[in-house]
Amino acid sequence: MAKPDLVDMYVTASGQIFKDDGESSLAPAFRVIPIAADDSGANTIGVPVGGIYSTSAGVLHVRLA
């Protein structure tokens, strides 16, 4: 079984999330983070269970159901 790639994550003062790309530089961790009010709304826009979405207030959530 292959193990997942684990990389360091960094958040800038402005709230942008970056990951270590393994080549001595940082890359955006997410291209687009979908916005939804709750797990039901995240499901409607196609976020898979375990996927990340944000509320309109900018809080990150993991879809659980």
N, C-alpha and C. Protein backbone atom coordinates (compact mmCIF):
# COMPACT_ATOMS: atom_id res chain seq x y z
N MET A 1 0.84 -1.17 0.00
CA MET A 1 0.00 0.00 0.00
C MET A 1 0.89 1.24 0.00
N ALA A 2 0.61 2.15 -0.90
CA ALA A 2 1.40 3.38 -0.99
C ALA A 2 1.01 4.32 0.15
N LYS A 3 1.98 4.98 0.71
CA LYS A 3 1.68 5.94 1.76
C LYS A 3 1.43 7.30 1.13
N PRO A 4 0.60 8.13 1.75
CA PRO A 4 0.31 9.44 1.17
C PRO A 4 1.53 10.36 1.28
N ASP A 5 1.61 11.30 0.38
CA ASP A 5 2.66 12.30 0.46
C ASP A 5 2.32 13.26 1.59
N LEU A 6 3.22 13.40 2.53
CA LEU A 6 3.02 14.34 3.62
C LEU A 6 3.97 15.51 3.39
N VAL A 7 3.42 16.71 3.29
CA VAL A 7 4.24 17.88 3.04
C VAL A 7 3.95 18.94 4.10
N ASP A 8 4.92 19.80 4.34
CA ASP A 8 4.73 20.91 5.26
C ASP A 8 3.79 21.93 4.63
N MET A 9 2.91 22.50 5.46
CA MET A 9 1.97 23.52 5.02
C MET A 9 2.31 24.82 5.75
N TYR A 10 2.13 25.94 5.09
CA TYR A 10 2.43 27.25 5.65
C TYR A 10 1.27 28.19 5.38
N VAL A 11 0.97 29.07 6.34
CA VAL A 11 -0.06 30.08 6.16
C VAL A 11 0.62 31.44 6.27
N THR A 12 0.40 32.29 5.26
CA THR A 12 0.98 33.63 5.28
C THR A 12 0.15 34.53 6.19
N ALA A 13 0.68 35.71 6.49
CA ALA A 13 -0.04 36.66 7.33
C ALA A 13 -1.38 37.06 6.71
N SER A 14 -1.48 37.00 5.38
CA SER A 14 -2.73 37.36 4.71
C SER A 14 -3.71 36.19 4.63
N GLY A 15 -3.32 35.01 5.15
CA GLY A 15 -4.21 33.86 5.19
C GLY A 15 -4.10 32.90 4.02
N GLN A 16 -3.15 33.12 3.11
CA GLN A 16 -2.97 32.20 1.99
C GLN A 16 -2.27 30.94 2.49
N ILE A 17 -2.71 29.79 1.97
CA ILE A 17 -2.14 28.51 2.39
C ILE A 17 -1.20 28.00 1.30
N PHE A 18 0.03 27.66 1.68
CA PHE A 18 1.01 27.15 0.74
C PHE A 18 1.54 25.81 1.23
N LYS A 19 2.06 25.02 0.29
CA LYS A 19 2.69 23.75 0.66
C LYS A 19 4.10 23.72 0.10
N ASP A 20 4.97 22.95 0.73
CA ASP A 20 6.33 22.75 0.25
C ASP A 20 6.25 21.84 -0.96
N ASP A 21 6.72 22.32 -2.12
CA ASP A 21 6.59 21.50 -3.33
C ASP A 21 7.73 20.49 -3.50
N GLY A 22 8.62 20.41 -2.50
CA GLY A 22 9.69 19.43 -2.55
C GLY A 22 10.89 19.87 -3.35
N GLU A 23 10.84 21.08 -3.88
CA GLU A 23 11.94 21.59 -4.70
C GLU A 23 12.43 22.93 -4.17
N SER A 24 12.48 23.06 -2.85
CA SER A 24 12.97 24.28 -2.19
C SER A 24 12.14 25.51 -2.49
N SER A 25 10.87 25.34 -2.75
CA SER A 25 10.00 26.49 -2.93
C SER A 25 8.60 26.14 -2.45
N LEU A 26 7.74 27.13 -2.39
CA LEU A 26 6.37 26.93 -1.94
C LEU A 26 5.42 27.06 -3.12
N ALA A 27 4.35 26.30 -3.09
CA ALA A 27 3.32 26.34 -4.12
C ALA A 27 1.98 26.52 -3.44
N PRO A 28 1.02 27.15 -4.11
CA PRO A 28 -0.31 27.25 -3.49
C PRO A 28 -0.84 25.87 -3.13
N ALA A 29 -1.37 25.71 -1.94
CA ALA A 29 -1.86 24.41 -1.50
C ALA A 29 -3.18 24.05 -2.17
N PHE A 30 -3.98 25.05 -2.48
CA PHE A 30 -5.27 24.83 -3.10
C PHE A 30 -5.45 25.82 -4.23
N ARG A 31 -5.93 25.35 -5.36
CA ARG A 31 -6.22 26.29 -6.46
C ARG A 31 -7.48 27.08 -6.13
N VAL A 32 -8.53 26.38 -5.76
CA VAL A 32 -9.79 27.02 -5.39
C VAL A 32 -10.39 26.24 -4.24
N ILE A 33 -10.81 26.94 -3.21
CA ILE A 33 -11.50 26.29 -2.10
C ILE A 33 -12.98 26.62 -2.25
N PRO A 34 -13.82 25.60 -2.47
CA PRO A 34 -15.25 25.87 -2.65
C PRO A 34 -15.87 26.45 -1.38
N ILE A 35 -16.93 27.24 -1.56
CA ILE A 35 -17.61 27.87 -0.44
C ILE A 35 -19.00 27.26 -0.30
N ALA A 36 -19.33 26.82 0.92
CA ALA A 36 -20.63 26.24 1.23
C ALA A 36 -20.98 26.55 2.68
N ALA A 37 -22.26 26.55 2.99
CA ALA A 37 -22.71 26.86 4.35
C ALA A 37 -22.51 25.69 5.30
N ASP A 38 -22.63 24.45 4.77
CA ASP A 38 -22.55 23.27 5.63
C ASP A 38 -22.26 22.04 4.77
N ASP A 39 -22.22 20.85 5.39
CA ASP A 39 -21.92 19.63 4.66
C ASP A 39 -22.93 19.36 3.54
N SER A 40 -24.19 19.68 3.79
CA SER A 40 -25.21 19.47 2.76
C SER A 40 -24.95 20.34 1.54
N GLY A 41 -24.63 21.59 1.79
CA GLY A 41 -24.31 22.50 0.68
C GLY A 41 -23.03 22.08 -0.03
N ALA A 42 -22.05 21.59 0.74
CA ALA A 42 -20.81 21.12 0.13
C ALA A 42 -21.08 19.92 -0.77
N ASN A 43 -21.96 19.03 -0.33
CA ASN A 43 -22.35 17.88 -1.14
C ASN A 43 -22.97 18.35 -2.45
N THR A 44 -23.84 19.34 -2.38
CA THR A 44 -24.53 19.87 -3.56
C THR A 44 -23.55 20.41 -4.59
N ILE A 45 -22.47 21.03 -4.14
CA ILE A 45 -21.51 21.60 -5.10
C ILE A 45 -20.39 20.64 -5.47
N GLY A 46 -20.47 19.39 -4.97
CA GLY A 46 -19.54 18.36 -5.42
C GLY A 46 -18.32 18.12 -4.56
N VAL A 47 -18.30 18.62 -3.33
CA VAL A 47 -17.17 18.36 -2.44
C VAL A 47 -17.31 16.93 -1.92
N PRO A 48 -16.31 16.07 -2.10
CA PRO A 48 -16.43 14.69 -1.62
C PRO A 48 -16.30 14.60 -0.10
N VAL A 49 -16.80 13.51 0.49
CA VAL A 49 -16.61 13.28 1.92
C VAL A 49 -15.10 13.27 2.17
N GLY A 50 -14.65 14.02 3.16
CA GLY A 50 -13.23 14.17 3.44
C GLY A 50 -12.61 15.36 2.72
N GLY A 51 -13.37 15.99 1.81
CA GLY A 51 -12.88 17.15 1.07
C GLY A 51 -12.98 18.41 1.91
N ILE A 52 -12.26 19.43 1.50
CA ILE A 52 -12.22 20.70 2.24
C ILE A 52 -13.09 21.73 1.53
N TYR A 53 -13.83 22.49 2.34
CA TYR A 53 -14.59 23.63 1.84
C TYR A 53 -14.52 24.74 2.87
N SER A 54 -14.92 25.93 2.48
CA SER A 54 -14.89 27.09 3.36
C SER A 54 -16.29 27.65 3.51
N THR A 55 -16.57 28.25 4.65
CA THR A 55 -17.80 29.00 4.80
C THR A 55 -17.56 30.40 4.27
N SER A 56 -18.61 31.18 4.12
CA SER A 56 -18.43 32.55 3.64
C SER A 56 -17.63 33.40 4.62
N ALA A 57 -17.52 32.95 5.88
CA ALA A 57 -16.72 33.65 6.88
C ALA A 57 -15.25 33.29 6.79
N GLY A 58 -14.88 32.36 5.88
CA GLY A 58 -13.48 32.00 5.70
C GLY A 58 -12.98 30.89 6.60
N VAL A 59 -13.88 30.16 7.24
CA VAL A 59 -13.48 29.06 8.12
C VAL A 59 -13.41 27.78 7.30
N LEU A 60 -12.29 27.06 7.38
CA LEU A 60 -12.15 25.81 6.65
C LEU A 60 -12.85 24.68 7.39
N HIS A 61 -13.51 23.80 6.61
CA HIS A 61 -14.20 22.64 7.16
C HIS A 61 -13.84 21.41 6.33
N VAL A 62 -13.92 20.24 6.94
CA VAL A 62 -13.79 18.98 6.23
C VAL A 62 -15.19 18.38 6.16
N ARG A 63 -15.62 18.00 4.94
CA ARG A 63 -16.96 17.43 4.80
C ARG A 63 -16.97 16.05 5.45
N LEU A 64 -17.89 15.87 6.41
CA LEU A 64 -17.97 14.63 7.16
C LEU A 64 -19.11 13.72 6.70
N ALA A 65 -20.14 14.30 6.12
CA ALA A 65 -21.31 13.50 5.70
C ALA A 65 -21.76 13.89 4.32
